[in-house]
Amino acid sequence: MADINDDKQRLIQKFGLVHEENGWYSEKENSHKHLIFKDAFFERADIIGLLFRINKLCMAKVKYFRQNIDKYEPLRYDYKRGFIVVPLWDADFLRHKLSGYILDFRYLQTITVYEDFVRLCRELEAFENPEGHEKG
């Protein structure tokens, strides 16, 4: 798999994914091995698609963040330095630049009703038009 780009390789290493039988698997201690994505998906997907699949986020979230990623800053948490800016492949959080709100991928997993996700997006987008935004 020498043609995998560097960010995809780093993402695979970060999550400790194992390649076998045309797929990438998570094999963590004390849990069953499970398929994360097949080679075809891995090859055609961008980093957002792969990262969101690993984090079990739906296609509506992938589509929204793919279209709006420039409005966010990828972060991870360092216990000594707090939140630090990282490349997207290494992100565990996304900071909405205009509001400063930090979205944890685990929090995004908890939003299972489409309308609730749309409501969150509208709230964040309201920061782009301050006249229409009420802080609350």
C-alpha atoms as a PDB file:
ATOM      1  CA  MET A   1       0.000   0.000   0.000  1.00  0.00           C
ATOM      2  CA  ALA A   2       2.856   2.357  -0.867  1.00  0.00           C
ATOM      3  CA  ASP A   3       0.533   4.763  -2.725  1.00  0.00           C
ATOM      4  CA  ILE A   4      -1.380   5.796   0.429  1.00  0.00           C
ATOM      5  CA  ASN A   5      -0.817   9.487   1.035  1.00  0.00           C
ATOM      6  CA  ASP A   6       0.982  10.580   4.190  1.00  0.00           C
ATOM      7  CA  ASP A   7      -2.092  11.905   6.037  1.00  0.00           C
ATOM      8  CA  LYS A   8      -3.979   8.676   5.454  1.00  0.00           C
ATOM      9  CA  GLN A   9      -0.983   6.701   6.712  1.00  0.00           C
ATOM     10  CA  ARG A  10      -0.811   8.874   9.834  1.00  0.00           C
ATOM     11  CA  LEU A  11      -4.542   8.407  10.448  1.00  0.00           C
ATOM     12  CA  ILE A  12      -4.175   4.617  10.165  1.00  0.00           C
ATOM     13  CA  GLN A  13      -1.258   4.673  12.626  1.00  0.00           C
ATOM     14  CA  LYS A  14      -3.034   6.957  15.087  1.00  0.00           C
ATOM     15  CA  PHE A  15      -5.979   4.578  15.352  1.00  0.00           C
ATOM     16  CA  GLY A  16      -3.874   1.421  15.120  1.00  0.00           C
ATOM     17  CA  LEU A  17      -5.884   0.029  12.214  1.00  0.00           C
ATOM     18  CA  VAL A  18      -4.828  -3.307  10.747  1.00  0.00           C
ATOM     19  CA  HIS A  19      -5.136  -4.157   7.049  1.00  0.00           C
ATOM     20  CA  GLU A  20      -6.430  -7.587   6.097  1.00  0.00           C
ATOM     21  CA  GLU A  21      -8.750  -9.104   3.507  1.00  0.00           C
ATOM     22  CA  ASN A  22      -9.357  -5.847   1.563  1.00  0.00           C
ATOM     23  CA  GLY A  23     -10.329  -3.906   4.664  1.00  0.00           C
ATOM     24  CA  TRP A  24      -9.075  -1.886   7.600  1.00  0.00           C
ATOM     25  CA  TYR A  25      -9.928  -3.213  11.045  1.00  0.00           C
ATOM     26  CA  SER A  26      -9.802  -1.911  14.577  1.00  0.00           C
ATOM     27  CA  GLU A  27      -8.303  -4.461  16.900  1.00  0.00           C
ATOM     28  CA  LYS A  28      -8.177  -3.040  20.397  1.00  0.00           C
ATOM     29  CA  GLU A  29      -7.329  -4.915  23.555  1.00  0.00           C
ATOM     30  CA  ASN A  30     -10.385  -6.422  25.292  1.00  0.00           C
ATOM     31  CA  SER A  31     -12.699  -5.908  22.314  1.00  0.00           C
ATOM     32  CA  HIS A  32     -13.620  -7.746  19.161  1.00  0.00           C
ATOM     33  CA  LYS A  33     -11.965  -6.905  15.869  1.00  0.00           C
ATOM     34  CA  HIS A  34     -14.333  -4.938  13.651  1.00  0.00           C
ATOM     35  CA  LEU A  35     -14.241  -3.538  10.132  1.00  0.00           C
ATOM     36  CA  ILE A  36     -13.851   0.241   9.894  1.00  0.00           C
ATOM     37  CA  PHE A  37     -13.784   0.540   6.092  1.00  0.00           C
ATOM     38  CA  LYS A  38     -13.019  -1.458   2.980  1.00  0.00           C
ATOM     39  CA  ASP A  39     -10.107  -0.626   0.665  1.00  0.00           C
ATOM     40  CA  ALA A  40     -12.407   0.909  -1.967  1.00  0.00           C
ATOM     41  CA  PHE A  41     -13.790   3.426   0.562  1.00  0.00           C
ATOM     42  CA  PHE A  42     -10.306   4.097   1.943  1.00  0.00           C
ATOM     43  CA  GLU A  43      -8.926   4.853  -1.513  1.00  0.00           C
ATOM     44  CA  ARG A  44     -11.706   7.214  -2.639  1.00  0.00           C
ATOM     45  CA  ALA A  45     -12.419   8.994   0.669  1.00  0.00           C
ATOM     46  CA  ASP A  46     -10.764  12.180   1.844  1.00  0.00           C
ATOM     47  CA  ILE A  47      -9.425  12.660   5.374  1.00  0.00           C
ATOM     48  CA  ILE A  48     -12.767  14.000   6.636  1.00  0.00           C
ATOM     49  CA  GLY A  49     -14.578  10.938   5.276  1.00  0.00           C
ATOM     50  CA  LEU A  50     -12.086   8.567   6.894  1.00  0.00           C
ATOM     51  CA  LEU A  51     -11.892  10.433  10.194  1.00  0.00           C
ATOM     52  CA  PHE A  52     -15.661  10.652  10.485  1.00  0.00           C
ATOM     53  CA  ARG A  53     -16.087   6.953   9.596  1.00  0.00           C
ATOM     54  CA  ILE A  54     -13.595   5.989  12.304  1.00  0.00           C
ATOM     55  CA  ASN A  55     -15.541   8.179  14.739  1.00  0.00           C
ATOM     56  CA  LYS A  56     -18.863   6.668  13.566  1.00  0.00           C
ATOM     57  CA  LEU A  57     -20.333   9.938  12.309  1.00  0.00           C
ATOM     58  CA  CYS A  58     -23.104   9.937   9.706  1.00  0.00           C
ATOM     59  CA  MET A  59     -22.944  11.194   6.125  1.00  0.00           C
ATOM     60  CA  ALA A  60     -24.943  14.354   6.944  1.00  0.00           C
ATOM     61  CA  LYS A  61     -22.142  15.369   9.322  1.00  0.00           C
ATOM     62  CA  VAL A  62     -19.479  14.416   6.777  1.00  0.00           C
ATOM     63  CA  LYS A  63     -21.202  16.519   4.124  1.00  0.00           C
ATOM     64  CA  TYR A  64     -21.643  19.547   6.399  1.00  0.00           C
ATOM     65  CA  PHE A  65     -18.067  19.545   7.698  1.00  0.00           C
ATOM     66  CA  ARG A  66     -16.602  18.826   4.272  1.00  0.00           C
ATOM     67  CA  GLN A  67     -18.353  21.949   2.962  1.00  0.00           C
ATOM     68  CA  ASN A  68     -17.530  24.078   6.015  1.00  0.00           C
ATOM     69  CA  ILE A  69     -14.189  22.785   7.287  1.00  0.00           C
ATOM     70  CA  ASP A  70     -12.546  26.162   6.675  1.00  0.00           C
ATOM     71  CA  LYS A  71     -14.752  27.555   9.476  1.00  0.00           C
ATOM     72  CA  TYR A  72     -13.215  25.111  11.960  1.00  0.00           C
ATOM     73  CA  GLU A  73      -9.845  24.532  13.528  1.00  0.00           C
ATOM     74  CA  PRO A  74      -8.798  20.915  14.204  1.00  0.00           C
ATOM     75  CA  LEU A  75      -7.673  20.301  17.778  1.00  0.00           C
ATOM     76  CA  ARG A  76      -6.555  17.602  20.131  1.00  0.00           C
ATOM     77  CA  TYR A  77      -6.128  17.798  23.878  1.00  0.00           C
ATOM     78  CA  ASP A  78      -2.743  17.693  25.538  1.00  0.00           C
ATOM     79  CA  TYR A  79      -2.917  17.289  29.314  1.00  0.00           C
ATOM     80  CA  LYS A  80      -0.090  19.794  29.844  1.00  0.00           C
ATOM     81  CA  ARG A  81      -0.864  22.369  27.167  1.00  0.00           C
ATOM     82  CA  GLY A  82      -4.640  22.060  26.856  1.00  0.00           C
ATOM     83  CA  PHE A  83      -6.191  22.212  23.405  1.00  0.00           C
ATOM     84  CA  ILE A  84      -3.633  22.446  20.613  1.00  0.00           C
ATOM     85  CA  VAL A  85      -4.076  23.002  16.890  1.00  0.00           C
ATOM     86  CA  VAL A  86      -3.197  19.910  14.859  1.00  0.00           C
ATOM     87  CA  PRO A  87      -3.548  18.693  11.266  1.00  0.00           C
ATOM     88  CA  LEU A  88      -7.038  17.421  10.473  1.00  0.00           C
ATOM     89  CA  TRP A  89      -5.987  13.742  10.475  1.00  0.00           C
ATOM     90  CA  ASP A  90      -4.941  14.098  14.150  1.00  0.00           C
ATOM     91  CA  ALA A  91      -8.059  15.953  15.338  1.00  0.00           C
ATOM     92  CA  ASP A  92     -10.315  14.796  18.160  1.00  0.00           C
ATOM     93  CA  PHE A  93     -12.149  18.117  18.313  1.00  0.00           C
ATOM     94  CA  LEU A  94     -13.150  20.918  15.967  1.00  0.00           C
ATOM     95  CA  ARG A  95     -13.247  24.526  17.171  1.00  0.00           C
ATOM     96  CA  HIS A  96     -15.748  26.738  15.410  1.00  0.00           C
ATOM     97  CA  LYS A  97     -13.573  29.783  14.693  1.00  0.00           C
ATOM     98  CA  LEU A  98     -16.251  32.478  14.994  1.00  0.00           C
ATOM     99  CA  SER A  99     -17.929  31.229  18.171  1.00  0.00           C
ATOM    100  CA  GLY A 100     -14.975  29.536  19.855  1.00  0.00           C
ATOM    101  CA  TYR A 101     -17.218  26.528  20.573  1.00  0.00           C
ATOM    102  CA  ILE A 102     -15.345  23.239  20.625  1.00  0.00           C
ATOM    103  CA  LEU A 103     -17.090  20.192  19.200  1.00  0.00           C
ATOM    104  CA  ASP A 104     -15.907  16.811  20.412  1.00  0.00           C
ATOM    105  CA  PHE A 105     -16.357  13.956  17.925  1.00  0.00           C
ATOM    106  CA  ARG A 106     -17.892  11.955  20.783  1.00  0.00           C
ATOM    107  CA  TYR A 107     -20.467  14.721  21.286  1.00  0.00           C
ATOM    108  CA  LEU A 108     -21.278  14.699  17.571  1.00  0.00           C
ATOM    109  CA  GLN A 109     -21.914  10.927  17.867  1.00  0.00           C
ATOM    110  CA  THR A 110     -24.647  11.616  20.413  1.00  0.00           C
ATOM    111  CA  ILE A 111     -26.631  13.712  17.918  1.00  0.00           C
ATOM    112  CA  THR A 112     -28.745  11.039  16.269  1.00  0.00           C
ATOM    113  CA  VAL A 113     -31.755  13.074  15.152  1.00  0.00           C
ATOM    114  CA  TYR A 114     -31.135  14.921  11.889  1.00  0.00           C
ATOM    115  CA  GLU A 115     -33.158  17.968  12.968  1.00  0.00           C
ATOM    116  CA  ASP A 116     -30.996  18.305  16.094  1.00  0.00           C
ATOM    117  CA  PHE A 117     -27.879  18.413  13.920  1.00  0.00           C
ATOM    118  CA  VAL A 118     -29.485  21.003  11.628  1.00  0.00           C
ATOM    119  CA  ARG A 119     -30.310  23.086  14.708  1.00  0.00           C
ATOM    120  CA  LEU A 120     -26.655  22.938  15.836  1.00  0.00           C
ATOM    121  CA  CYS A 121     -25.477  23.982  12.356  1.00  0.00           C
ATOM    122  CA  ARG A 122     -27.896  26.924  12.306  1.00  0.00           C
ATOM    123  CA  GLU A 123     -26.713  28.027  15.725  1.00  0.00           C
ATOM    124  CA  LEU A 124     -23.090  27.993  14.554  1.00  0.00           C
ATOM    125  CA  GLU A 125     -23.934  29.662  11.240  1.00  0.00           C
ATOM    126  CA  ALA A 126     -25.684  32.477  13.122  1.00  0.00           C
ATOM    127  CA  PHE A 127     -22.220  33.705  14.164  1.00  0.00           C
ATOM    128  CA  GLU A 128     -21.591  34.539  10.500  1.00  0.00           C
ATOM    129  CA  ASN A 129     -24.523  36.976  10.623  1.00  0.00           C
ATOM    130  CA  PRO A 130     -24.299  38.633  14.049  1.00  0.00           C
ATOM    131  CA  GLU A 131     -27.519  40.616  13.600  1.00  0.00           C
ATOM    132  CA  GLY A 132     -29.470  37.359  13.473  1.00  0.00           C
ATOM    133  CA  HIS A 133     -27.717  35.761  16.447  1.00  0.00           C
ATOM    134  CA  GLU A 134     -28.852  35.891  20.009  1.00  0.00           C
ATOM    135  CA  LYS A 135     -26.476  34.491  22.589  1.00  0.00           C
ATOM    136  CA  GLY A 136     -28.154  32.125  24.955  1.00  0.00           C
END
